[in-house]
Structures are given as structure tokens and as C-alpha cells.
Protein backbone atom coordinates (compact mmCIF):
# COMPACT_ATOMS: atom_id res chain seq x y z
CA MET A 1 29.51 -26.34 98.57
CA GLU A 2 33.00 -26.59 100.05
CA CYS A 3 35.30 -29.61 99.72
CA THR A 4 35.80 -31.26 103.10
CA ILE A 5 39.53 -31.74 102.41
CA CYS A 6 40.96 -28.73 100.57
CA LYS A 7 38.17 -26.30 101.54
CA GLU A 8 37.88 -25.02 97.94
CA GLN A 9 34.47 -24.32 96.50
CA ILE A 10 33.14 -27.28 94.51
CA MET A 11 32.03 -26.02 91.12
CA GLY A 12 31.28 -29.30 89.37
CA GLU A 13 30.31 -32.79 90.40
CA ILE A 14 30.46 -33.60 94.11
CA PHE A 15 32.16 -36.86 95.01
CA PRO A 16 31.74 -39.08 98.10
CA GLU A 17 31.99 -37.31 101.46
CA ASN A 18 31.65 -33.86 99.81
CA GLN A 19 35.04 -33.98 98.11
CA CYS A 20 36.04 -32.10 94.99
CA TYR A 21 37.31 -34.05 91.99
CA LYS A 22 40.97 -33.17 92.66
CA CYS A 23 40.85 -34.55 96.23
CA TRP A 24 38.74 -37.56 95.29
CA ARG A 25 41.12 -38.44 92.41
CA ASN A 26 44.14 -38.03 94.67
CA ILE A 27 42.68 -40.47 97.19
CA ALA A 28 41.59 -42.95 94.51
CA ALA A 29 45.04 -42.92 92.87
CA ASN A 30 46.78 -43.60 96.18
CA ASN A 31 44.84 -46.62 97.43
CA GLY A 32 42.56 -44.63 99.69
CA ASN A 33 45.28 -42.45 101.23
CA LEU A 34 45.32 -38.71 100.81
CA MET A 35 48.71 -37.65 99.48
CA LYS A 36 48.90 -33.99 100.54
CA ASP A 37 52.33 -33.51 99.02
CA LYS A 38 50.80 -34.13 95.58
CA MET A 39 48.14 -31.50 96.17
CA GLU A 40 50.41 -28.52 96.72
CA ASN A 41 50.15 -25.71 94.20
CA THR A 42 53.20 -23.86 92.97
CA GLN A 43 53.12 -20.28 91.80
CA LYS A 44 56.11 -18.78 90.03
CA ILE A 45 56.47 -15.03 89.82
CA VAL A 46 58.68 -13.99 86.92
CA THR A 47 60.70 -10.87 87.59
CA GLU A 48 63.62 -11.53 85.25
CA ASN A 49 62.79 -11.37 81.53
CA PRO A 50 59.09 -10.73 82.20
CA ASP A 51 58.20 -9.97 78.57
CA SER A 52 57.57 -12.68 76.00
CA ILE A 53 56.59 -13.15 72.39
CA THR A 54 55.20 -16.28 70.72
CA ILE A 55 56.22 -16.90 67.12
CA GLY A 56 55.05 -19.58 64.70
CA SER A 57 52.59 -22.40 65.00
CA ALA A 58 52.93 -25.71 66.78
CA THR A 59 51.37 -27.46 63.78
CA LYS A 60 53.61 -25.78 61.20
CA GLY A 61 57.19 -26.47 62.17
CA ALA A 62 57.20 -25.52 65.85
CA GLN A 63 56.16 -22.66 68.00
CA LEU A 64 58.69 -20.49 69.81
CA LYS A 65 58.11 -18.54 72.99
CA VAL A 66 60.95 -16.15 73.66
CA TYR A 67 61.34 -14.39 77.02
CA GLY A 68 63.24 -11.17 77.45
CA ASP A 69 63.00 -7.49 78.23
CA PHE A 70 61.24 -5.47 75.52
CA SER A 71 63.03 -2.33 76.69
CA LYS A 72 66.34 -3.93 75.60
CA LEU A 73 65.45 -4.33 71.93
CA GLU A 74 68.84 -5.43 70.56
CA GLU A 75 69.23 -8.16 73.22
CA PHE A 76 65.69 -9.36 72.52
CA LYS A 77 66.32 -9.51 68.77
CA ILE A 78 69.39 -11.67 69.40
CA LYS A 79 67.30 -14.05 71.55
CA VAL A 80 64.67 -14.31 68.80
CA ASP A 81 67.32 -14.99 66.14
CA ASN A 82 69.02 -17.61 68.30
CA SER A 83 65.68 -19.27 69.06
CA ARG A 84 64.87 -19.50 65.35
CA ALA A 85 68.29 -21.05 64.67
CA VAL A 86 67.73 -23.70 67.35
CA ARG A 87 64.21 -24.41 66.02
CA ASP A 88 65.51 -24.79 62.45
CA TYR A 89 68.29 -27.09 63.65
CA ALA A 90 65.81 -29.26 65.57
CA ASN A 91 63.51 -29.44 62.53
CA GLN A 92 66.44 -30.57 60.34
CA ILE A 93 67.23 -33.40 62.74
CA LEU A 94 63.61 -34.51 63.04
CA ASN A 95 62.73 -34.04 59.36
CA PRO A 96 65.91 -34.45 57.29
CA GLN A 97 63.98 -34.37 53.97
CA ILE A 98 62.96 -30.71 54.46
């Protein structure tokens, strides 16, 4: 079934007047008025520094995601080192006993 507002296929529960959850919630949160500006989707296409690496764990002292260009190895290593230094600094401020 298709949502009567956004025309997307309804995959889950169908709400009043054949609305999807996203549209129904938008109307309910805005006193019965559809706020179309809050329903816009944004897509970002990354062309600069498209490569990334995730280091660490969010539960063990912070997780880092570093963006760069893998073909420029030395620049990427500097970004990783700088990211670790910032993470360590932030951990010292938040947890001075460590």
C-alpha cells in the first residue's frame, strides 16, 4: 500500500487515512498540520576525503572515524595520529583519574 501523503510504500503498520508512520507522526507532532519542511530528506555525496577508517570502541575510551584519501598514505597517517591525540586529550579532561 502507498502512503497518501509521501507516496512511499508502507511496509509496516498503516495509520489513519492510509498514512505511513513518518507522515502520521509528523502530523501528530504538529497539532494536525503536515509540516512538509520537516519531511525533506537530505543526501550528501562525499567526493573529498571519500575513504574512512574507524578505530577503537565507543565503550572503551571513544571511537574515532577518520576521513581521508587512502592513496595519500602519509597525509592519512598524520590525520590518524592527530585524531588519537585529540581523543586522548578529551579523555583526560573527562576522566582526569586515568
